[in-house]
């Protein structure tokens, strides 16, 4: 990649959020269920709440990109981190503005400034690399 742009970094954060959502759930080790799976009748399963279906697990390359992206947030302040991850998870600007206690346009400017600082840092690292 020649130079990082705002769109590239924003897309990478969105991909990292999606990859994190697709990871398998963390469970306590050592506990398991010894009961067999029961074949239930239709009337027995009626009160059961709807199952949530998990998407397929991410590829190893997607996990590597996610881990690289998660290292980038160390360059940001805590509030900037919250702002970037909320937007990467597709929260609306209204919800982000409520969380940041400002108006929508101000939240957008803070998000853009946070992304720009990551872009600047990445481009600086690329320029310094031999």
N, C-alpha and C. Protein backbone atom coordinates (compact mmCIF):
# COMPACT_ATOMS: atom_id res chain seq x y z
N UNK A 1 0.85 -1.18 0.00
CA UNK A 1 0.00 0.00 0.00
C UNK A 1 0.90 1.24 0.00
N UNK A 2 0.65 2.17 -0.90
CA UNK A 2 1.49 3.35 -1.04
C UNK A 2 1.31 4.29 0.15
N UNK A 3 0.15 4.80 0.34
CA UNK A 3 -0.15 5.68 1.47
C UNK A 3 -1.51 5.32 2.03
N UNK A 4 -1.65 5.45 3.32
CA UNK A 4 -2.93 5.19 3.96
C UNK A 4 -3.82 6.41 3.80
N UNK A 5 -5.11 6.19 3.61
CA UNK A 5 -6.09 7.27 3.53
C UNK A 5 -7.12 7.08 4.64
N UNK A 6 -7.95 8.10 4.84
CA UNK A 6 -8.99 8.02 5.85
C UNK A 6 -9.93 6.86 5.57
N UNK A 7 -10.29 6.68 4.30
CA UNK A 7 -11.23 5.62 3.94
C UNK A 7 -10.63 4.24 4.21
N UNK A 8 -9.32 4.08 3.92
CA UNK A 8 -8.65 2.80 4.16
C UNK A 8 -8.66 2.45 5.65
N UNK A 9 -8.32 3.42 6.47
CA UNK A 9 -8.25 3.17 7.92
C UNK A 9 -9.64 2.93 8.49
N UNK A 10 -10.62 3.72 8.06
CA UNK A 10 -12.00 3.52 8.54
C UNK A 10 -12.52 2.15 8.12
N UNK A 11 -12.20 1.73 6.90
CA UNK A 11 -12.63 0.41 6.44
C UNK A 11 -11.93 -0.69 7.23
N UNK A 12 -10.67 -0.48 7.58
CA UNK A 12 -9.94 -1.49 8.35
C UNK A 12 -10.53 -1.62 9.76
N UNK A 13 -10.92 -0.49 10.37
CA UNK A 13 -11.56 -0.57 11.69
C UNK A 13 -12.91 -1.27 11.60
N UNK A 14 -13.68 -0.99 10.54
CA UNK A 14 -14.98 -1.66 10.37
C UNK A 14 -14.78 -3.15 10.16
N UNK A 15 -13.76 -3.53 9.39
CA UNK A 15 -13.48 -4.95 9.18
C UNK A 15 -13.05 -5.61 10.49
N UNK A 16 -12.26 -4.91 11.28
CA UNK A 16 -11.82 -5.47 12.57
C UNK A 16 -13.00 -5.68 13.51
N UNK A 17 -13.94 -4.74 13.52
CA UNK A 17 -15.13 -4.90 14.37
C UNK A 17 -15.96 -6.09 13.91
N UNK A 18 -16.11 -6.26 12.60
CA UNK A 18 -16.87 -7.39 12.07
C UNK A 18 -16.15 -8.72 12.35
N UNK A 19 -14.83 -8.72 12.23
CA UNK A 19 -14.05 -9.93 12.52
C UNK A 19 -14.18 -10.30 13.99
N UNK A 20 -14.12 -9.31 14.86
CA UNK A 20 -14.28 -9.58 16.29
C UNK A 20 -15.66 -10.14 16.61
N UNK A 21 -16.67 -9.69 15.89
CA UNK A 21 -18.02 -10.20 16.10
C UNK A 21 -18.15 -11.65 15.65
N UNK A 22 -17.38 -12.01 14.64
CA UNK A 22 -17.47 -13.36 14.09
C UNK A 22 -16.62 -14.39 14.84
N UNK A 23 -15.78 -13.93 15.77
CA UNK A 23 -14.97 -14.88 16.53
C UNK A 23 -15.85 -15.77 17.40
N UNK A 24 -15.40 -16.99 17.69
CA UNK A 24 -16.20 -17.86 18.56
C UNK A 24 -16.30 -17.27 19.97
N UNK A 25 -17.35 -17.62 20.65
CA UNK A 25 -17.56 -17.13 22.01
C UNK A 25 -16.53 -17.72 22.96
N UNK A 26 -16.18 -16.94 23.95
CA UNK A 26 -15.25 -17.42 24.97
C UNK A 26 -16.05 -18.17 26.02
N UNK A 27 -15.60 -19.35 26.37
CA UNK A 27 -16.28 -20.16 27.37
C UNK A 27 -15.30 -20.59 28.44
N UNK A 28 -15.82 -20.88 29.59
CA UNK A 28 -14.99 -21.34 30.70
C UNK A 28 -14.49 -22.74 30.37
N UNK A 29 -13.20 -22.95 30.51
CA UNK A 29 -12.63 -24.25 30.22
C UNK A 29 -12.96 -25.24 31.33
N UNK A 30 -13.16 -26.49 30.98
CA UNK A 30 -13.38 -27.54 31.96
C UNK A 30 -14.83 -27.88 32.23
N UNK A 31 -15.76 -27.06 31.76
CA UNK A 31 -17.17 -27.35 31.97
C UNK A 31 -17.78 -27.83 30.66
N UNK A 32 -18.55 -28.87 30.74
CA UNK A 32 -19.20 -29.38 29.55
C UNK A 32 -20.51 -30.02 29.96
N UNK A 33 -21.34 -30.28 29.00
CA UNK A 33 -22.67 -30.82 29.22
C UNK A 33 -22.66 -32.30 28.85
N UNK A 34 -23.04 -33.16 29.80
CA UNK A 34 -23.06 -34.59 29.51
C UNK A 34 -24.45 -35.08 29.10
N UNK A 35 -25.43 -34.20 29.14
CA UNK A 35 -26.78 -34.59 28.76
C UNK A 35 -26.85 -34.74 27.25
N UNK A 36 -27.55 -35.77 26.77
CA UNK A 36 -27.70 -35.92 25.32
C UNK A 36 -28.69 -34.89 24.78
N UNK A 37 -28.57 -34.62 23.50
CA UNK A 37 -29.51 -33.70 22.87
C UNK A 37 -30.85 -34.42 22.68
N UNK A 38 -31.91 -33.79 23.11
CA UNK A 38 -33.24 -34.39 23.02
C UNK A 38 -33.92 -33.97 21.73
N UNK A 39 -34.61 -34.89 21.12
CA UNK A 39 -35.48 -34.56 19.99
C UNK A 39 -36.83 -34.17 20.58
N UNK A 40 -37.17 -32.92 20.46
CA UNK A 40 -38.39 -32.40 21.07
C UNK A 40 -39.51 -32.33 20.04
N UNK A 41 -40.71 -32.39 20.53
CA UNK A 41 -41.89 -32.19 19.70
C UNK A 41 -42.05 -30.69 19.45
N UNK A 42 -42.84 -30.36 18.45
CA UNK A 42 -43.03 -28.96 18.10
C UNK A 42 -43.67 -28.18 19.25
N UNK A 43 -44.62 -28.78 19.94
CA UNK A 43 -45.30 -28.06 21.02
C UNK A 43 -44.37 -27.87 22.23
N UNK A 44 -43.34 -28.69 22.36
CA UNK A 44 -42.39 -28.52 23.47
C UNK A 44 -41.39 -27.41 23.22
N UNK A 45 -41.10 -27.13 21.98
CA UNK A 45 -40.11 -26.10 21.66
C UNK A 45 -40.72 -24.71 21.53
N UNK A 46 -42.04 -24.62 21.61
CA UNK A 46 -42.70 -23.33 21.41
C UNK A 46 -42.20 -22.25 22.37
N UNK A 47 -42.11 -22.49 23.68
CA UNK A 47 -41.69 -21.39 24.55
C UNK A 47 -40.20 -21.07 24.45
N UNK A 48 -39.42 -21.87 23.76
CA UNK A 48 -37.99 -21.62 23.64
C UNK A 48 -37.76 -20.32 22.88
N UNK A 49 -36.89 -19.49 23.41
CA UNK A 49 -36.62 -18.23 22.72
C UNK A 49 -35.86 -18.51 21.43
N UNK A 50 -35.87 -17.53 20.59
CA UNK A 50 -35.27 -17.70 19.27
C UNK A 50 -33.75 -17.86 19.40
N UNK A 51 -33.18 -18.75 18.63
CA UNK A 51 -31.74 -18.96 18.67
C UNK A 51 -31.05 -17.86 17.88
N UNK A 52 -29.89 -17.47 18.38
CA UNK A 52 -29.11 -16.52 17.61
C UNK A 52 -28.06 -17.31 16.81
N UNK A 53 -28.02 -17.05 15.54
CA UNK A 53 -27.13 -17.77 14.66
C UNK A 53 -25.84 -16.97 14.50
N UNK A 54 -24.74 -17.66 14.70
CA UNK A 54 -23.44 -17.03 14.57
C UNK A 54 -22.93 -17.20 13.14
N UNK A 55 -22.30 -16.19 12.59
CA UNK A 55 -21.74 -16.34 11.25
C UNK A 55 -20.52 -17.26 11.28
N UNK A 56 -20.05 -17.61 10.11
CA UNK A 56 -18.87 -18.46 10.03
C UNK A 56 -17.67 -17.77 10.67
N UNK A 57 -16.75 -18.52 11.25
CA UNK A 57 -15.58 -17.88 11.87
C UNK A 57 -14.70 -17.19 10.83
N UNK A 58 -13.98 -16.17 11.24
CA UNK A 58 -13.16 -15.42 10.28
C UNK A 58 -11.92 -16.22 9.86
N UNK A 59 -11.34 -15.81 8.76
CA UNK A 59 -10.13 -16.46 8.27
C UNK A 59 -8.93 -16.00 9.10
N UNK A 60 -7.84 -16.76 9.09
CA UNK A 60 -6.64 -16.34 9.83
C UNK A 60 -6.09 -15.00 9.36
N UNK A 61 -6.20 -14.70 8.06
CA UNK A 61 -5.75 -13.40 7.57
C UNK A 61 -6.57 -12.26 8.15
N UNK A 62 -7.87 -12.48 8.26
CA UNK A 62 -8.75 -11.45 8.84
C UNK A 62 -8.41 -11.24 10.32
N UNK A 63 -8.08 -12.31 11.01
CA UNK A 63 -7.71 -12.18 12.43
C UNK A 63 -6.39 -11.42 12.56
N UNK A 64 -5.44 -11.69 11.69
CA UNK A 64 -4.16 -10.96 11.72
C UNK A 64 -4.38 -9.46 11.46
N UNK A 65 -5.23 -9.13 10.49
CA UNK A 65 -5.53 -7.73 10.21
C UNK A 65 -6.23 -7.08 11.40
N UNK A 66 -7.12 -7.83 12.07
CA UNK A 66 -7.81 -7.31 13.24
C UNK A 66 -6.81 -7.01 14.36
N UNK A 67 -5.88 -7.92 14.59
CA UNK A 67 -4.89 -7.71 15.65
C UNK A 67 -3.99 -6.52 15.33
N UNK A 68 -3.63 -6.37 14.07
CA UNK A 68 -2.82 -5.22 13.67
C UNK A 68 -3.60 -3.93 13.91
N UNK A 69 -4.88 -3.94 13.55
CA UNK A 69 -5.72 -2.76 13.73
C UNK A 69 -5.90 -2.44 15.22
N UNK A 70 -6.00 -3.46 16.02
CA UNK A 70 -6.17 -3.22 17.46
C UNK A 70 -4.90 -2.62 18.08
N UNK A 71 -3.75 -2.86 17.48
CA UNK A 71 -2.53 -2.21 17.97
C UNK A 71 -2.52 -0.72 17.66
N UNK A 72 -3.23 -0.33 16.60
CA UNK A 72 -3.28 1.09 16.24
C UNK A 72 -3.96 1.94 17.29
N UNK A 73 -4.91 1.38 18.01
CA UNK A 73 -5.67 2.20 18.97
C UNK A 73 -4.80 2.64 20.15
N UNK A 74 -3.63 2.06 20.29
CA UNK A 74 -2.74 2.50 21.37
C UNK A 74 -2.23 3.92 21.13
N UNK A 75 -2.33 4.39 19.91
CA UNK A 75 -1.90 5.75 19.59
C UNK A 75 -2.96 6.78 19.95
N UNK A 76 -4.15 6.34 20.35
CA UNK A 76 -5.28 7.24 20.57
C UNK A 76 -5.59 7.40 22.05
N UNK A 77 -6.29 8.49 22.35
CA UNK A 77 -6.82 8.70 23.70
C UNK A 77 -8.02 7.77 23.90
N UNK A 78 -8.42 7.59 25.14
CA UNK A 78 -9.50 6.66 25.46
C UNK A 78 -10.81 7.08 24.79
N UNK A 79 -11.15 8.35 24.83
CA UNK A 79 -12.40 8.80 24.21
C UNK A 79 -12.37 8.62 22.70
N UNK A 80 -11.20 8.83 22.11
CA UNK A 80 -11.09 8.61 20.67
C UNK A 80 -11.28 7.14 20.33
N UNK A 81 -10.78 6.26 21.18
CA UNK A 81 -10.95 4.82 20.97
C UNK A 81 -12.43 4.45 20.98
N UNK A 82 -13.14 4.97 21.97
CA UNK A 82 -14.58 4.68 22.05
C UNK A 82 -15.29 5.18 20.79
N UNK A 83 -14.95 6.36 20.37
CA UNK A 83 -15.58 6.97 19.20
C UNK A 83 -15.32 6.13 17.94
N UNK A 84 -14.09 5.71 17.74
CA UNK A 84 -13.75 4.94 16.54
C UNK A 84 -14.42 3.58 16.55
N UNK A 85 -14.40 2.90 17.70
CA UNK A 85 -15.01 1.56 17.73
C UNK A 85 -16.53 1.63 17.63
N UNK A 86 -17.13 2.66 18.20
CA UNK A 86 -18.58 2.80 18.05
C UNK A 86 -18.96 2.99 16.59
N UNK A 87 -18.20 3.81 15.89
CA UNK A 87 -18.50 4.04 14.48
C UNK A 87 -18.19 2.80 13.65
N UNK A 88 -17.14 2.07 14.02
CA UNK A 88 -16.80 0.84 13.30
C UNK A 88 -17.90 -0.21 13.47
N UNK A 89 -18.57 -0.19 14.62
CA UNK A 89 -19.67 -1.12 14.85
C UNK A 89 -20.99 -0.60 14.31
N UNK A 90 -20.93 0.48 13.56
CA UNK A 90 -22.08 1.07 12.86
C UNK A 90 -23.13 1.67 13.79
N UNK A 91 -22.69 2.23 14.90
CA UNK A 91 -23.60 3.03 15.72
C UNK A 91 -23.95 4.28 14.93
N UNK A 92 -25.14 4.80 15.15
CA UNK A 92 -25.52 6.03 14.45
C UNK A 92 -24.78 7.22 15.07
N UNK A 93 -24.69 8.30 14.29
CA UNK A 93 -24.02 9.48 14.81
C UNK A 93 -24.77 10.06 16.01
N UNK A 94 -26.06 9.85 16.04
CA UNK A 94 -26.85 10.33 17.19
C UNK A 94 -26.43 9.61 18.47
N UNK A 95 -26.31 8.28 18.40
CA UNK A 95 -25.89 7.52 19.58
C UNK A 95 -24.46 7.87 20.00
N UNK A 96 -23.60 8.09 19.01
CA UNK A 96 -22.22 8.48 19.32
C UNK A 96 -22.19 9.86 19.96
N UNK A 97 -23.01 10.77 19.45
CA UNK A 97 -23.05 12.12 20.01
C UNK A 97 -23.57 12.10 21.44
N UNK A 98 -24.54 11.26 21.72
CA UNK A 98 -25.05 11.15 23.10
C UNK A 98 -23.95 10.62 24.01
N UNK A 99 -23.20 9.63 23.56
CA UNK A 99 -22.12 9.05 24.36
C UNK A 99 -21.01 10.08 24.59
N UNK A 100 -20.72 10.90 23.57
CA UNK A 100 -19.64 11.88 23.67
C UNK A 100 -20.12 13.21 24.27
N UNK A 101 -21.41 13.34 24.50
CA UNK A 101 -22.00 14.56 25.08
C UNK A 101 -21.70 15.79 24.22
N UNK A 102 -21.97 15.65 22.93
CA UNK A 102 -21.79 16.76 22.01
C UNK A 102 -22.79 16.61 20.87
N UNK A 103 -22.78 17.55 19.94
CA UNK A 103 -23.69 17.43 18.80
C UNK A 103 -23.11 16.46 17.77
N UNK A 104 -23.95 16.09 16.82
CA UNK A 104 -23.53 15.08 15.82
C UNK A 104 -22.35 15.55 14.99
N UNK A 105 -22.39 16.77 14.55
CA UNK A 105 -21.31 17.29 13.70
C UNK A 105 -19.99 17.33 14.46
N UNK A 106 -20.05 17.68 15.74
CA UNK A 106 -18.83 17.70 16.55
C UNK A 106 -18.30 16.28 16.72
N UNK A 107 -19.19 15.33 16.92
CA UNK A 107 -18.76 13.93 17.02
C UNK A 107 -18.11 13.47 15.73
N UNK A 108 -18.67 13.89 14.59
CA UNK A 108 -18.07 13.53 13.30
C UNK A 108 -16.69 14.15 13.14
N UNK A 109 -16.54 15.39 13.59
CA UNK A 109 -15.22 16.02 13.50
C UNK A 109 -14.22 15.35 14.42
N UNK A 110 -14.62 14.95 15.63
CA UNK A 110 -13.72 14.24 16.55
C UNK A 110 -13.32 12.88 15.96
N UNK A 111 -14.28 12.19 15.35
CA UNK A 111 -13.99 10.90 14.72
C UNK A 111 -12.99 11.08 13.57
N UNK A 112 -13.24 12.10 12.74
CA UNK A 112 -12.35 12.34 11.61
C UNK A 112 -10.95 12.69 12.09
N UNK A 113 -10.84 13.48 13.15
CA UNK A 113 -9.52 13.85 13.68
C UNK A 113 -8.81 12.62 14.25
N UNK A 114 -9.54 11.73 14.89
CA UNK A 114 -8.94 10.50 15.42
C UNK A 114 -8.44 9.61 14.29
N UNK A 115 -9.24 9.47 13.24
CA UNK A 115 -8.82 8.67 12.09
C UNK A 115 -7.60 9.32 11.42
N UNK A 116 -7.60 10.63 11.30
CA UNK A 116 -6.47 11.33 10.70
C UNK A 116 -5.19 11.11 11.49
N UNK A 117 -5.29 11.08 12.81
CA UNK A 117 -4.09 10.85 13.61
C UNK A 117 -3.53 9.44 13.38
N UNK A 118 -4.42 8.46 13.20
CA UNK A 118 -3.96 7.10 12.89
C UNK A 118 -3.33 7.07 11.50
N UNK A 119 -3.95 7.75 10.54
CA UNK A 119 -3.41 7.81 9.18
C UNK A 119 -2.03 8.45 9.19
N UNK A 120 -1.89 9.56 9.91
CA UNK A 120 -0.60 10.23 9.98
C UNK A 120 0.47 9.32 10.59
N UNK A 121 0.12 8.63 11.64
CA UNK A 121 1.08 7.73 12.30
C UNK A 121 1.47 6.59 11.36
N UNK A 122 0.51 6.00 10.67
CA UNK A 122 0.81 4.91 9.73
C UNK A 122 1.69 5.39 8.58
N UNK A 123 1.37 6.55 8.03
CA UNK A 123 2.18 7.08 6.93
C UNK A 123 3.58 7.45 7.41
N UNK A 124 3.71 7.92 8.64
CA UNK A 124 5.02 8.21 9.20
C UNK A 124 5.85 6.93 9.36
N UNK A 125 5.18 5.86 9.82
CA UNK A 125 5.88 4.58 9.96
C UNK A 125 6.30 4.02 8.60
N UNK A 126 5.45 4.18 7.59
CA UNK A 126 5.80 3.69 6.25
C UNK A 126 6.96 4.48 5.66
N UNK A 127 6.99 5.79 5.94
CA UNK A 127 8.09 6.62 5.41
C UNK A 127 9.41 6.30 6.10
N UNK A 128 9.34 5.90 7.37
CA UNK A 128 10.56 5.60 8.13
C UNK A 128 11.09 4.20 7.85
N UNK A 129 10.24 3.33 7.31
CA UNK A 129 10.67 1.95 7.02
C UNK A 129 11.62 1.95 5.84
N UNK A 130 12.67 1.12 5.91
CA UNK A 130 13.66 1.09 4.82
C UNK A 130 13.14 0.46 3.56
